[in-house]
Amino acid sequence: MTQRLHLVYGGELTDPSGTTFRNVDDIHVVGMFPDYASAHAAWKAEAQRTVDNAHMRYFIAHVHRLFDETDEGSATETPAS
């Protein structure tokens, strides 16, 4: 069975209608979650905590979608040493 990892992260954006972070050094990594439901709960908590700042946005990244061990050029390819 494939593990479905989800990363929740966020920060202040340069424009509330975009996805460019004001300062990538200040990105808040909430955590990695084993399923969408727990990732969504964490995302919702952070989004509600920062609701007064229109430039703050949190996202859920579907990390499991990066993995494809059958594809030679996969984003998670292990570099040759």
Protein backbone atom coordinates (compact mmCIF):
# COMPACT_ATOMS: atom_id res chain seq x y z
CA MET A 1 0.00 0.00 0.00
CA THR A 2 1.31 3.44 -0.94
CA GLN A 3 1.84 5.88 1.89
CA ARG A 4 0.09 9.18 1.20
CA LEU A 5 2.13 11.92 2.84
CA HIS A 6 0.88 15.50 3.07
CA LEU A 7 2.96 18.56 4.02
CA VAL A 8 1.25 21.57 5.58
CA TYR A 9 3.14 24.86 5.30
CA GLY A 10 2.47 28.55 4.92
CA GLY A 11 3.60 32.09 5.35
CA GLU A 12 3.08 35.66 4.32
CA LEU A 13 2.56 36.28 0.61
CA THR A 14 3.60 39.32 -1.41
CA ASP A 15 0.09 39.49 -2.90
CA PRO A 16 -2.96 37.80 -1.34
CA SER A 17 -4.15 36.66 -4.77
CA GLY A 18 -0.85 34.95 -5.61
CA THR A 19 1.40 32.24 -4.21
CA THR A 20 4.76 34.03 -3.91
CA PHE A 21 6.08 34.16 -0.35
CA ARG A 22 7.35 37.50 0.96
CA ASN A 23 10.34 35.81 2.64
CA VAL A 24 11.04 32.10 2.15
CA ASP A 25 13.16 32.08 5.31
CA ASP A 26 9.96 32.74 7.27
CA ILE A 27 7.90 29.87 5.82
CA HIS A 28 6.16 28.05 8.65
CA VAL A 29 6.32 24.27 8.24
CA VAL A 30 3.42 22.94 10.26
CA GLY A 31 4.31 19.30 9.66
CA MET A 32 4.03 16.12 7.65
CA PHE A 33 0.82 14.11 7.95
CA PRO A 34 -0.02 10.52 6.99
CA ASP A 35 -3.42 11.30 5.49
CA TYR A 36 -5.40 14.16 4.01
CA ALA A 37 -7.87 14.38 6.90
CA SER A 38 -5.19 15.10 9.50
CA ALA A 39 -3.39 17.48 7.12
CA HIS A 40 -6.64 19.34 6.49
CA ALA A 41 -7.30 19.67 10.23
CA ALA A 42 -3.80 21.14 10.74
CA TRP A 43 -4.23 23.46 7.75
CA LYS A 44 -7.60 24.66 9.03
CA ALA A 45 -6.22 25.37 12.51
CA GLU A 46 -3.36 27.47 11.11
CA ALA A 47 -5.60 29.27 8.62
CA GLN A 48 -8.04 30.19 11.40
CA ARG A 49 -5.20 31.27 13.70
CA THR A 50 -3.94 33.74 11.09
CA VAL A 51 -7.31 34.86 9.69
CA ASP A 52 -6.69 38.53 10.59
CA ASN A 53 -3.70 38.79 8.21
CA ALA A 54 -4.97 38.75 4.60
CA HIS A 55 -1.44 38.04 3.32
CA MET A 56 -1.03 34.81 5.34
CA ARG A 57 -1.80 31.59 3.50
CA TYR A 58 -1.34 27.94 4.33
CA PHE A 59 -1.14 25.11 1.82
CA ILE A 60 -1.33 21.33 1.70
CA ALA A 61 1.28 19.71 -0.55
CA HIS A 62 0.54 16.16 -1.65
CA VAL A 63 4.07 14.82 -1.19
CA HIS A 64 3.06 11.30 -2.19
CA ARG A 65 2.41 12.60 -5.71
CA LEU A 66 6.13 13.33 -6.12
CA PHE A 67 7.03 9.67 -5.71
CA ASP A 68 7.14 7.44 -8.75
CA GLU A 69 9.90 4.91 -8.36
CA THR A 70 9.09 3.49 -11.80
CA ASP A 71 9.93 6.79 -13.54
CA GLU A 72 13.66 7.22 -14.13
CA GLY A 73 13.38 11.01 -13.90
CA SER A 74 11.21 11.08 -10.80
CA ALA A 75 11.45 14.14 -8.56
CA THR A 76 12.60 11.81 -5.78
CA GLU A 77 15.29 10.09 -7.78
CA THR A 78 18.32 9.12 -5.69
CA PRO A 79 21.43 10.77 -7.17
CA ALA A 80 24.25 8.46 -8.23
CA SER A 81 27.30 8.72 -5.99
